[in-house]
Amino acid sequence: MFSVLVHKLPAMLIVVVLLISGATNALGRCPVPTKHYTTLGCEPAAEQNAQGCPLWFNCSMLEQRAHDKCYLFGKTYELHAHVPDEKVKSSCLALCTCQMNSRRAVAEFHCAHIDCPEFLSPHRAGCVRQYRTNDCCSSRQACGEKRTNLPRCTVGAVTYYEGERMQLPDDPCQTCICTQHFNASDPHGHTKCYTNACAFELIAPSVLAHGAAPVYYGNRCCPWEWRLPKANDRIRRDEGTESSNALEEWTVRDSCTYGNLTLSIGESLVGDVTPVGVYQCFCAIPPMVHCTLTAN
């Protein structure tokens, strides 16, 4: 069953459907969110800091993007080209086509949203939904005695039944399916795992083109939404901090540009308090600012 995915849907609502799990870390032990960079195809610097994070990313290829083409996971799509369904089905999307949005003067993907039966009916007590690798919808469910007799997988303090999706604490950007051969000491050995795709290029190309910053929420893998620069954004200044206007020697490798502001590594914006929560935006790994959202 398909329904039209409207681009005007709030970003948070869309991302709830798109995300299965989350981690803010896509590069080993780096604690800073980098999934937006790797999804866009930016190249990490060879040099790393003490936390294991690249000192910067090379995103120069983004400047060469054309307004009349669509981009997804490092691939370019001409107008009217279709994205293979297998590339987007884990995000609960299908029939994605590159089309020109004349109002925004930019090419965008238009997709159908997969409405799984579980989205439309309440969960039945005593049942578990079982999934195949990379699928959006469950393939079946087991209830009562059938569920009780299923093999189980234990990850930390959480127990899953065969066919359930699991989140591994050491790599939350992956989703795994519990199998009867699961071994907690070697969780990847006999487990069906796949890397979560962040499909924000399907829904927010015009926002990206206007310098928006990725917003991460909780321990999720992909950006929760994208925040556009605001006229009242200000860099947080501690007493004695040098003004950014005096630091003209900064380069793209040691600073982040956000709207009309330039932040050095380690600088942040004054928190933006909204009815949704507090947005804290940082320059941690240039050239992009990233933000975190703390709900009220």
C-alpha atoms as a PDB file:
ATOM      1  CA  MET A   1       0.000   0.000   0.000  1.00  0.00           C
ATOM      2  CA  PHE A   2       1.391   3.394  -0.973  1.00  0.00           C
ATOM      3  CA  SER A   3       0.461   6.963  -0.210  1.00  0.00           C
ATOM      4  CA  VAL A   4       2.010  10.173  -1.513  1.00  0.00           C
ATOM      5  CA  LEU A   5       4.798  11.576   0.627  1.00  0.00           C
ATOM      6  CA  VAL A   6       4.298  15.353   0.805  1.00  0.00           C
ATOM      7  CA  HIS A   7       7.474  17.431   1.160  1.00  0.00           C
ATOM      8  CA  LYS A   8       5.747  19.922   3.465  1.00  0.00           C
ATOM      9  CA  LEU A   9       5.389  17.382   6.242  1.00  0.00           C
ATOM     10  CA  PRO A  10       7.312  18.495   9.352  1.00  0.00           C
ATOM     11  CA  ALA A  11      10.845  17.153   9.299  1.00  0.00           C
ATOM     12  CA  MET A  12      10.467  15.496  12.684  1.00  0.00           C
ATOM     13  CA  LEU A  13       7.417  13.530  11.555  1.00  0.00           C
ATOM     14  CA  ILE A  14       9.187  12.305   8.442  1.00  0.00           C
ATOM     15  CA  VAL A  15      12.341  11.330  10.270  1.00  0.00           C
ATOM     16  CA  VAL A  16      10.388   9.251  12.769  1.00  0.00           C
ATOM     17  CA  VAL A  17       9.407   7.073   9.799  1.00  0.00           C
ATOM     18  CA  LEU A  18      12.838   7.179   8.201  1.00  0.00           C
ATOM     19  CA  LEU A  19      14.849   6.208  11.242  1.00  0.00           C
ATOM     20  CA  ILE A  20      14.948   2.766  12.675  1.00  0.00           C
ATOM     21  CA  SER A  21      17.687   3.349  15.176  1.00  0.00           C
ATOM     22  CA  GLY A  22      20.309   5.838  15.951  1.00  0.00           C
ATOM     23  CA  ALA A  23      23.812   6.665  16.674  1.00  0.00           C
ATOM     24  CA  THR A  24      25.488   9.987  16.360  1.00  0.00           C
ATOM     25  CA  ASN A  25      28.760   8.289  15.588  1.00  0.00           C
ATOM     26  CA  ALA A  26      29.540   6.836  12.182  1.00  0.00           C
ATOM     27  CA  LEU A  27      33.333   6.805  12.407  1.00  0.00           C
ATOM     28  CA  GLY A  28      34.623   4.385  15.002  1.00  0.00           C
ATOM     29  CA  ARG A  29      34.909   5.910  18.444  1.00  0.00           C
ATOM     30  CA  CYS A  30      34.445   9.542  17.404  1.00  0.00           C
ATOM     31  CA  PRO A  31      31.797  11.001  19.787  1.00  0.00           C
ATOM     32  CA  VAL A  32      30.868  13.838  17.407  1.00  0.00           C
ATOM     33  CA  PRO A  33      28.014  13.265  14.913  1.00  0.00           C
ATOM     34  CA  THR A  34      29.389  12.609  11.412  1.00  0.00           C
ATOM     35  CA  LYS A  35      26.571  10.746   9.663  1.00  0.00           C
ATOM     36  CA  HIS A  36      25.548  13.860   7.727  1.00  0.00           C
ATOM     37  CA  TYR A  37      29.048  14.097   6.267  1.00  0.00           C
ATOM     38  CA  THR A  38      29.340  10.448   5.280  1.00  0.00           C
ATOM     39  CA  THR A  39      25.838  10.412   3.777  1.00  0.00           C
ATOM     40  CA  LEU A  40      26.611  13.464   1.640  1.00  0.00           C
ATOM     41  CA  GLY A  41      29.857  11.885   0.436  1.00  0.00           C
ATOM     42  CA  CYS A  42      32.231  14.332   2.141  1.00  0.00           C
ATOM     43  CA  GLU A  43      35.764  12.972   2.509  1.00  0.00           C
ATOM     44  CA  PRO A  44      37.276  12.799   6.035  1.00  0.00           C
ATOM     45  CA  ALA A  45      40.746  14.178   6.621  1.00  0.00           C
ATOM     46  CA  ALA A  46      43.433  11.612   7.339  1.00  0.00           C
ATOM     47  CA  GLU A  47      44.427  13.529  10.461  1.00  0.00           C
ATOM     48  CA  GLN A  48      42.451  12.755  13.623  1.00  0.00           C
ATOM     49  CA  ASN A  49      42.179  14.380  17.024  1.00  0.00           C
ATOM     50  CA  ALA A  50      42.624  12.634  20.371  1.00  0.00           C
ATOM     51  CA  GLN A  51      38.975  11.479  20.303  1.00  0.00           C
ATOM     52  CA  GLY A  52      39.403   9.643  17.021  1.00  0.00           C
ATOM     53  CA  CYS A  53      37.502  12.211  14.940  1.00  0.00           C
ATOM     54  CA  PRO A  54      38.702  13.577  11.589  1.00  0.00           C
ATOM     55  CA  LEU A  55      39.964  17.131  12.012  1.00  0.00           C
ATOM     56  CA  TRP A  56      37.763  18.220   9.108  1.00  0.00           C
ATOM     57  CA  PHE A  57      35.824  16.953   6.080  1.00  0.00           C
ATOM     58  CA  ASN A  58      36.235  17.921   2.460  1.00  0.00           C
ATOM     59  CA  CYS A  59      32.755  18.809   1.157  1.00  0.00           C
ATOM     60  CA  SER A  60      33.883  20.834  -1.850  1.00  0.00           C
ATOM     61  CA  MET A  61      31.884  18.609  -4.198  1.00  0.00           C
ATOM     62  CA  LEU A  62      28.666  20.010  -2.719  1.00  0.00           C
ATOM     63  CA  GLU A  63      29.444  23.380  -4.301  1.00  0.00           C
ATOM     64  CA  GLN A  64      29.325  21.731  -7.721  1.00  0.00           C
ATOM     65  CA  ARG A  65      25.822  20.381  -7.327  1.00  0.00           C
ATOM     66  CA  ALA A  66      23.414  21.560 -10.029  1.00  0.00           C
ATOM     67  CA  HIS A  67      19.939  22.898  -9.229  1.00  0.00           C
ATOM     68  CA  ASP A  68      18.368  20.725 -11.914  1.00  0.00           C
ATOM     69  CA  LYS A  69      19.697  17.391 -10.659  1.00  0.00           C
ATOM     70  CA  CYS A  70      18.939  15.249  -7.607  1.00  0.00           C
ATOM     71  CA  TYR A  71      21.508  13.635  -5.337  1.00  0.00           C
ATOM     72  CA  LEU A  72      21.289  10.617  -3.078  1.00  0.00           C
ATOM     73  CA  PHE A  73      23.978   8.568  -1.315  1.00  0.00           C
ATOM     74  CA  GLY A  74      26.724   9.922  -3.593  1.00  0.00           C
ATOM     75  CA  LYS A  75      24.854   9.287  -6.841  1.00  0.00           C
ATOM     76  CA  THR A  76      23.516  11.934  -9.254  1.00  0.00           C
ATOM     77  CA  TYR A  77      20.035  11.576 -10.760  1.00  0.00           C
ATOM     78  CA  GLU A  78      18.865  13.448 -13.841  1.00  0.00           C
ATOM     79  CA  LEU A  79      15.346  14.877 -14.039  1.00  0.00           C
ATOM     80  CA  HIS A  80      12.688  12.136 -14.311  1.00  0.00           C
ATOM     81  CA  ALA A  81      15.190   9.441 -13.263  1.00  0.00           C
ATOM     82  CA  HIS A  82      13.978   6.824 -10.764  1.00  0.00           C
ATOM     83  CA  VAL A  83      15.768   5.603  -7.655  1.00  0.00           C
ATOM     84  CA  PRO A  84      15.821   1.789  -7.422  1.00  0.00           C
ATOM     85  CA  ASP A  85      13.337   0.797  -4.722  1.00  0.00           C
ATOM     86  CA  GLU A  86      15.887  -1.406  -2.965  1.00  0.00           C
ATOM     87  CA  LYS A  87      17.927   1.703  -2.127  1.00  0.00           C
ATOM     88  CA  VAL A  88      15.101   3.377  -0.227  1.00  0.00           C
ATOM     89  CA  LYS A  89      12.788   0.600   0.963  1.00  0.00           C
ATOM     90  CA  SER A  90      14.422   0.437   4.403  1.00  0.00           C
ATOM     91  CA  SER A  91      13.351   4.088   4.804  1.00  0.00           C
ATOM     92  CA  CYS A  92       9.741   3.121   4.035  1.00  0.00           C
ATOM     93  CA  LEU A  93       9.818   4.906   0.671  1.00  0.00           C
ATOM     94  CA  ALA A  94       9.302   3.752  -2.914  1.00  0.00           C
ATOM     95  CA  LEU A  95       8.807   5.042  -6.455  1.00  0.00           C
ATOM     96  CA  CYS A  96      11.185   7.972  -5.910  1.00  0.00           C
ATOM     97  CA  THR A  97      11.568  10.177  -8.992  1.00  0.00           C
ATOM     98  CA  CYS A  98      13.692  13.291  -9.547  1.00  0.00           C
ATOM     99  CA  GLN A  99      11.413  16.197 -10.474  1.00  0.00           C
ATOM    100  CA  MET A 100      11.839  19.968 -10.727  1.00  0.00           C
ATOM    101  CA  ASN A 101      10.106  22.055  -8.067  1.00  0.00           C
ATOM    102  CA  SER A 102       9.370  25.223 -10.030  1.00  0.00           C
ATOM    103  CA  ARG A 103       8.452  27.206  -6.914  1.00  0.00           C
ATOM    104  CA  ARG A 104      11.775  26.486  -5.226  1.00  0.00           C
ATOM    105  CA  ALA A 105      13.706  26.348  -8.517  1.00  0.00           C
ATOM    106  CA  VAL A 106      15.447  23.161  -7.420  1.00  0.00           C
ATOM    107  CA  ALA A 107      15.137  19.500  -8.339  1.00  0.00           C
ATOM    108  CA  GLU A 108      13.667  17.282  -5.623  1.00  0.00           C
ATOM    109  CA  PHE A 109      12.702  13.671  -5.175  1.00  0.00           C
ATOM    110  CA  HIS A 110       9.020  12.812  -5.115  1.00  0.00           C
ATOM    111  CA  CYS A 111       8.339   9.508  -3.403  1.00  0.00           C
ATOM    112  CA  ALA A 112       5.531   7.294  -2.238  1.00  0.00           C
ATOM    113  CA  HIS A 113       5.384   6.416   1.427  1.00  0.00           C
ATOM    114  CA  ILE A 114       4.985   2.745   2.311  1.00  0.00           C
ATOM    115  CA  ASP A 115       2.124   2.240   4.760  1.00  0.00           C
ATOM    116  CA  CYS A 116       2.899  -0.980   6.600  1.00  0.00           C
ATOM    117  CA  PRO A 117       0.032  -2.838   8.278  1.00  0.00           C
ATOM    118  CA  GLU A 118       1.712  -2.260  11.638  1.00  0.00           C
ATOM    119  CA  PHE A 119       1.483   1.496  11.104  1.00  0.00           C
ATOM    120  CA  LEU A 120      -2.292   1.223  10.786  1.00  0.00           C
ATOM    121  CA  SER A 121      -3.183  -1.200  13.570  1.00  0.00           C
ATOM    122  CA  PRO A 122      -2.322  -1.329  17.283  1.00  0.00           C
ATOM    123  CA  HIS A 123       0.276  -3.778  18.512  1.00  0.00           C
ATOM    124  CA  ARG A 124      -1.219  -7.034  19.753  1.00  0.00           C
ATOM    125  CA  ALA A 125      -0.194  -7.982  23.264  1.00  0.00           C
ATOM    126  CA  GLY A 126       1.853 -11.161  23.422  1.00  0.00           C
ATOM    127  CA  CYS A 127       3.042 -10.864  19.815  1.00  0.00           C
ATOM    128  CA  VAL A 128       6.330  -9.909  18.166  1.00  0.00           C
ATOM    129  CA  ARG A 129       6.796  -8.595  14.646  1.00  0.00           C
ATOM    130  CA  GLN A 130       9.480 -10.292  12.586  1.00  0.00           C
ATOM    131  CA  TYR A 131      11.496  -8.604   9.838  1.00  0.00           C
ATOM    132  CA  ARG A 132      13.775  -9.381   6.937  1.00  0.00           C
ATOM    133  CA  THR A 133      17.011  -7.477   6.351  1.00  0.00           C
ATOM    134  CA  ASN A 134      16.506  -3.956   4.971  1.00  0.00           C
ATOM    135  CA  ASP A 135      12.721  -4.266   4.785  1.00  0.00           C
ATOM    136  CA  CYS A 136      10.445  -1.502   5.988  1.00  0.00           C
ATOM    137  CA  CYS A 137       7.494  -3.683   6.989  1.00  0.00           C
ATOM    138  CA  SER A 138       7.436  -6.817   9.080  1.00  0.00           C
ATOM    139  CA  SER A 139       7.018 -10.038   7.098  1.00  0.00           C
ATOM    140  CA  ARG A 140       5.032 -11.850   9.787  1.00  0.00           C
ATOM    141  CA  GLN A 141       4.337 -11.925  13.505  1.00  0.00           C
ATOM    142  CA  ALA A 142       4.471 -14.618  16.154  1.00  0.00           C
ATOM    143  CA  CYS A 143       2.004 -14.720  19.020  1.00  0.00           C
ATOM    144  CA  GLY A 144       1.394 -16.798  22.119  1.00  0.00           C
ATOM    145  CA  GLU A 145       3.071 -20.203  22.083  1.00  0.00           C
ATOM    146  CA  LYS A 146       4.748 -19.522  18.736  1.00  0.00           C
ATOM    147  CA  ARG A 147       6.481 -16.491  20.220  1.00  0.00           C
ATOM    148  CA  THR A 148       7.430 -18.385  23.375  1.00  0.00           C
ATOM    149  CA  ASN A 149       9.146 -21.100  21.312  1.00  0.00           C
ATOM    150  CA  LEU A 150      11.211 -18.674  19.234  1.00  0.00           C
ATOM    151  CA  PRO A 151      15.004 -18.500  19.738  1.00  0.00           C
ATOM    152  CA  ARG A 152      16.099 -15.365  21.598  1.00  0.00           C
ATOM    153  CA  CYS A 153      19.001 -12.916  21.491  1.00  0.00           C
ATOM    154  CA  THR A 154      20.183 -10.902  24.473  1.00  0.00           C
ATOM    155  CA  VAL A 155      22.015  -7.612  23.931  1.00  0.00           C
ATOM    156  CA  GLY A 156      22.953  -5.973  27.213  1.00  0.00           C
ATOM    157  CA  ALA A 157      19.799  -5.948  29.291  1.00  0.00           C
ATOM    158  CA  VAL A 158      17.438  -6.303  26.328  1.00  0.00           C
ATOM    159  CA  THR A 159      16.116  -9.633  25.017  1.00  0.00           C
ATOM    160  CA  TYR A 160      14.824  -9.988  21.458  1.00  0.00           C
ATOM    161  CA  TYR A 161      12.946 -12.783  19.718  1.00  0.00           C
ATOM    162  CA  GLU A 162      14.027 -14.294  16.408  1.00  0.00           C
ATOM    163  CA  GLY A 163      13.163 -11.914  13.572  1.00  0.00           C
ATOM    164  CA  GLU A 164      13.027  -8.807  15.743  1.00  0.00           C
ATOM    165  CA  ARG A 165      15.194  -5.801  15.000  1.00  0.00           C
ATOM    166  CA  MET A 166      18.042  -5.281  17.438  1.00  0.00           C
ATOM    167  CA  GLN A 167      20.210  -2.269  18.234  1.00  0.00           C
ATOM    168  CA  LEU A 168      23.820  -3.014  19.182  1.00  0.00           C
ATOM    169  CA  PRO A 169      25.224  -0.517  21.709  1.00  0.00           C
ATOM    170  CA  ASP A 170      28.696  -0.503  20.117  1.00  0.00           C
ATOM    171  CA  ASP A 171      27.342   0.497  16.705  1.00  0.00           C
ATOM    172  CA  PRO A 172      23.853   1.997  16.901  1.00  0.00           C
ATOM    173  CA  CYS A 173      24.078   3.078  13.242  1.00  0.00           C
ATOM    174  CA  GLN A 174      23.431  -0.575  12.415  1.00  0.00           C
ATOM    175  CA  THR A 175      20.211  -2.521  12.690  1.00  0.00           C
ATOM    176  CA  CYS A 176      20.474  -6.281  13.168  1.00  0.00           C
ATOM    177  CA  ILE A 177      17.911  -9.054  12.960  1.00  0.00           C
ATOM    178  CA  CYS A 178      17.874 -11.598  15.770  1.00  0.00           C
ATOM    179  CA  THR A 179      18.682 -15.105  14.499  1.00  0.00           C
ATOM    180  CA  GLN A 180      18.902 -18.493  16.185  1.00  0.00           C
ATOM    181  CA  HIS A 181      22.714 -18.469  15.761  1.00  0.00           C
ATOM    182  CA  PHE A 182      23.243 -15.175  17.574  1.00  0.00           C
ATOM    183  CA  ASN A 183      26.319 -15.105  19.829  1.00  0.00           C
ATOM    184  CA  ALA A 184      26.533 -12.208  22.280  1.00  0.00           C
ATOM    185  CA  SER A 185      30.338 -12.445  22.358  1.00  0.00           C
ATOM    186  CA  ASP A 186      30.451 -12.061  18.566  1.00  0.00           C
ATOM    187  CA  PRO A 187      27.229 -10.178  17.733  1.00  0.00           C
ATOM    188  CA  HIS A 188      28.111  -9.605  14.081  1.00  0.00           C
ATOM    189  CA  GLY A 189      29.245 -13.164  13.440  1.00  0.00           C
ATOM    190  CA  HIS A 190      25.946 -14.883  12.609  1.00  0.00           C
ATOM    191  CA  THR A 191      23.604 -11.907  12.724  1.00  0.00           C
ATOM    192  CA  LYS A 192      21.910 -10.261   9.766  1.00  0.00           C
ATOM    193  CA  CYS A 193      22.930  -6.618  10.045  1.00  0.00           C
ATOM    194  CA  TYR A 194      22.665  -3.591   7.786  1.00  0.00           C
ATOM    195  CA  THR A 195      23.751   0.021   8.036  1.00  0.00           C
ATOM    196  CA  ASN A 196      20.937   2.493   8.552  1.00  0.00           C
ATOM    197  CA  ALA A 197      20.550   4.861   5.612  1.00  0.00           C
ATOM    198  CA  CYS A 198      19.911   8.518   6.376  1.00  0.00           C
ATOM    199  CA  ALA A 199      17.539   9.539   3.604  1.00  0.00           C
ATOM    200  CA  PHE A 200      17.456  13.271   4.314  1.00  0.00           C
ATOM    201  CA  GLU A 201      18.500  14.060   0.726  1.00  0.00           C
ATOM    202  CA  LEU A 202      15.130  12.679  -0.330  1.00  0.00           C
ATOM    203  CA  ILE A 203      13.206  15.239   1.696  1.00  0.00           C
ATOM    204  CA  ALA A 204      15.358  18.304   2.370  1.00  0.00           C
ATOM    205  CA  PRO A 205      17.490  19.271  -0.675  1.00  0.00           C
ATOM    206  CA  SER A 206      16.416  22.919  -0.694  1.00  0.00           C
ATOM    207  CA  VAL A 207      17.127  23.264   3.031  1.00  0.00           C
ATOM    208  CA  LEU A 208      20.604  21.816   2.562  1.00  0.00           C
ATOM    209  CA  ALA A 209      21.274  24.258  -0.260  1.00  0.00           C
ATOM    210  CA  HIS A 210      20.556  27.173   2.071  1.00  0.00           C
ATOM    211  CA  GLY A 211      23.194  26.286   4.634  1.00  0.00           C
ATOM    212  CA  ALA A 212      21.084  24.417   7.188  1.00  0.00           C
ATOM    213  CA  ALA A 213      22.800  22.548  10.021  1.00  0.00           C
ATOM    214  CA  PRO A 214      21.966  18.938  10.922  1.00  0.00           C
ATOM    215  CA  VAL A 215      20.158  18.559  14.228  1.00  0.00           C
ATOM    216  CA  TYR A 216      20.741  15.376  16.227  1.00  0.00           C
ATOM    217  CA  TYR A 217      18.315  14.211  18.884  1.00  0.00           C
ATOM    218  CA  GLY A 218      19.146  11.696  21.577  1.00  0.00           C
ATOM    219  CA  ASN A 219      21.266   8.737  20.540  1.00  0.00           C
ATOM    220  CA  ARG A 220      19.952   8.545  16.989  1.00  0.00           C
ATOM    221  CA  CYS A 221      22.098   7.797  13.983  1.00  0.00           C
ATOM    222  CA  CYS A 222      20.696  10.289  11.488  1.00  0.00           C
ATOM    223  CA  PRO A 223      19.902  13.989  11.747  1.00  0.00           C
ATOM    224  CA  TRP A 224      16.508  14.487  13.375  1.00  0.00           C
ATOM    225  CA  GLU A 225      15.892  17.629  11.324  1.00  0.00           C
ATOM    226  CA  TRP A 226      17.802  20.561   9.756  1.00  0.00           C
ATOM    227  CA  ARG A 227      18.049  24.052  11.268  1.00  0.00           C
ATOM    228  CA  LEU A 228      18.367  27.093   9.029  1.00  0.00           C
ATOM    229  CA  PRO A 229      20.514  30.027  10.258  1.00  0.00           C
ATOM    230  CA  LYS A 230      18.565  32.753  12.052  1.00  0.00           C
ATOM    231  CA  ALA A 231      19.185  36.503  11.981  1.00  0.00           C
ATOM    232  CA  ASN A 232      19.462  36.554  15.788  1.00  0.00           C
ATOM    233  CA  ASP A 233      22.036  33.735  16.021  1.00  0.00           C
ATOM    234  CA  ARG A 234      25.006  34.768  18.158  1.00  0.00           C
ATOM    235  CA  ILE A 235      28.306  33.077  18.985  1.00  0.00           C
ATOM    236  CA  ARG A 236      28.656  32.268  22.651  1.00  0.00           C
ATOM    237  CA  ARG A 237      31.407  34.451  24.085  1.00  0.00           C
ATOM    238  CA  ASP A 238      33.104  33.782  27.393  1.00  0.00           C
ATOM    239  CA  GLU A 239      34.818  36.635  29.117  1.00  0.00           C
ATOM    240  CA  GLY A 240      38.078  37.430  27.361  1.00  0.00           C
ATOM    241  CA  THR A 241      37.224  35.493  24.211  1.00  0.00           C
ATOM    242  CA  GLU A 242      38.599  37.079  21.085  1.00  0.00           C
ATOM    243  CA  SER A 243      36.104  38.444  18.558  1.00  0.00           C
ATOM    244  CA  SER A 244      35.654  36.355  15.429  1.00  0.00           C
ATOM    245  CA  ASN A 245      36.217  39.467  13.287  1.00  0.00           C
ATOM    246  CA  ALA A 246      39.855  39.500  14.367  1.00  0.00           C
ATOM    247  CA  LEU A 247      40.492  35.930  13.255  1.00  0.00           C
ATOM    248  CA  GLU A 248      40.649  36.448   9.522  1.00  0.00           C
ATOM    249  CA  GLU A 249      43.363  33.827   9.123  1.00  0.00           C
ATOM    250  CA  TRP A 250      40.896  30.992   9.648  1.00  0.00           C
ATOM    251  CA  THR A 251      40.583  28.503   6.833  1.00  0.00           C
ATOM    252  CA  VAL A 252      37.863  26.032   5.903  1.00  0.00           C
ATOM    253  CA  ARG A 253      39.842  23.398   7.796  1.00  0.00           C
ATOM    254  CA  ASP A 254      39.651  25.078  11.197  1.00  0.00           C
ATOM    255  CA  SER A 255      36.355  26.980  11.106  1.00  0.00           C
ATOM    256  CA  CYS A 256      32.668  26.509  10.355  1.00  0.00           C
ATOM    257  CA  THR A 257      30.478  28.910   8.415  1.00  0.00           C
ATOM    258  CA  TYR A 258      26.835  29.205   9.431  1.00  0.00           C
ATOM    259  CA  GLY A 259      24.785  31.956   7.862  1.00  0.00           C
ATOM    260  CA  ASN A 260      26.783  35.163   8.308  1.00  0.00           C
ATOM    261  CA  LEU A 261      28.785  33.737  11.211  1.00  0.00           C
ATOM    262  CA  THR A 262      32.184  32.056  11.268  1.00  0.00           C
ATOM    263  CA  LEU A 263      32.940  29.848  14.253  1.00  0.00           C
ATOM    264  CA  SER A 264      36.309  28.448  15.198  1.00  0.00           C
ATOM    265  CA  ILE A 265      36.620  24.829  16.292  1.00  0.00           C
ATOM    266  CA  GLY A 266      35.205  24.539  19.806  1.00  0.00           C
ATOM    267  CA  GLU A 267      32.912  27.546  19.536  1.00  0.00           C
ATOM    268  CA  SER A 268      29.130  27.306  19.776  1.00  0.00           C
ATOM    269  CA  LEU A 269      26.067  29.470  19.338  1.00  0.00           C
ATOM    270  CA  VAL A 270      24.002  30.827  22.195  1.00  0.00           C
ATOM    271  CA  GLY A 271      21.318  28.213  22.846  1.00  0.00           C
ATOM    272  CA  ASP A 272      18.067  28.672  20.942  1.00  0.00           C
ATOM    273  CA  VAL A 273      15.146  28.060  23.301  1.00  0.00           C
ATOM    274  CA  THR A 274      11.973  27.044  21.434  1.00  0.00           C
ATOM    275  CA  PRO A 275       8.648  25.412  22.367  1.00  0.00           C
ATOM    276  CA  VAL A 276      10.065  22.154  20.959  1.00  0.00           C
ATOM    277  CA  GLY A 277      13.251  22.275  23.033  1.00  0.00           C
ATOM    278  CA  VAL A 278      16.700  23.851  23.228  1.00  0.00           C
ATOM    279  CA  TYR A 279      18.948  23.840  20.153  1.00  0.00           C
ATOM    280  CA  GLN A 280      22.691  23.909  20.845  1.00  0.00           C
ATOM    281  CA  CYS A 281      24.858  24.366  17.746  1.00  0.00           C
ATOM    282  CA  PHE A 282      28.604  23.707  17.640  1.00  0.00           C
ATOM    283  CA  CYS A 283      31.628  23.912  15.390  1.00  0.00           C
ATOM    284  CA  ALA A 284      33.300  20.593  16.203  1.00  0.00           C
ATOM    285  CA  ILE A 285      34.399  19.209  12.828  1.00  0.00           C
ATOM    286  CA  PRO A 286      34.510  21.784   9.985  1.00  0.00           C
ATOM    287  CA  PRO A 287      33.159  22.870   7.639  1.00  0.00           C
ATOM    288  CA  MET A 288      29.594  22.401   8.922  1.00  0.00           C
ATOM    289  CA  VAL A 289      28.005  23.378  12.196  1.00  0.00           C
ATOM    290  CA  HIS A 290      25.966  20.618  13.840  1.00  0.00           C
ATOM    291  CA  CYS A 291      23.243  21.032  16.431  1.00  0.00           C
ATOM    292  CA  THR A 292      21.703  18.952  19.178  1.00  0.00           C
ATOM    293  CA  LEU A 293      18.128  19.188  20.385  1.00  0.00           C
ATOM    294  CA  THR A 294      17.214  18.720  24.029  1.00  0.00           C
ATOM    295  CA  ALA A 295      13.461  18.352  24.437  1.00  0.00           C
ATOM    296  CA  ASN A 296      11.635  20.446  27.043  1.00  0.00           C
END
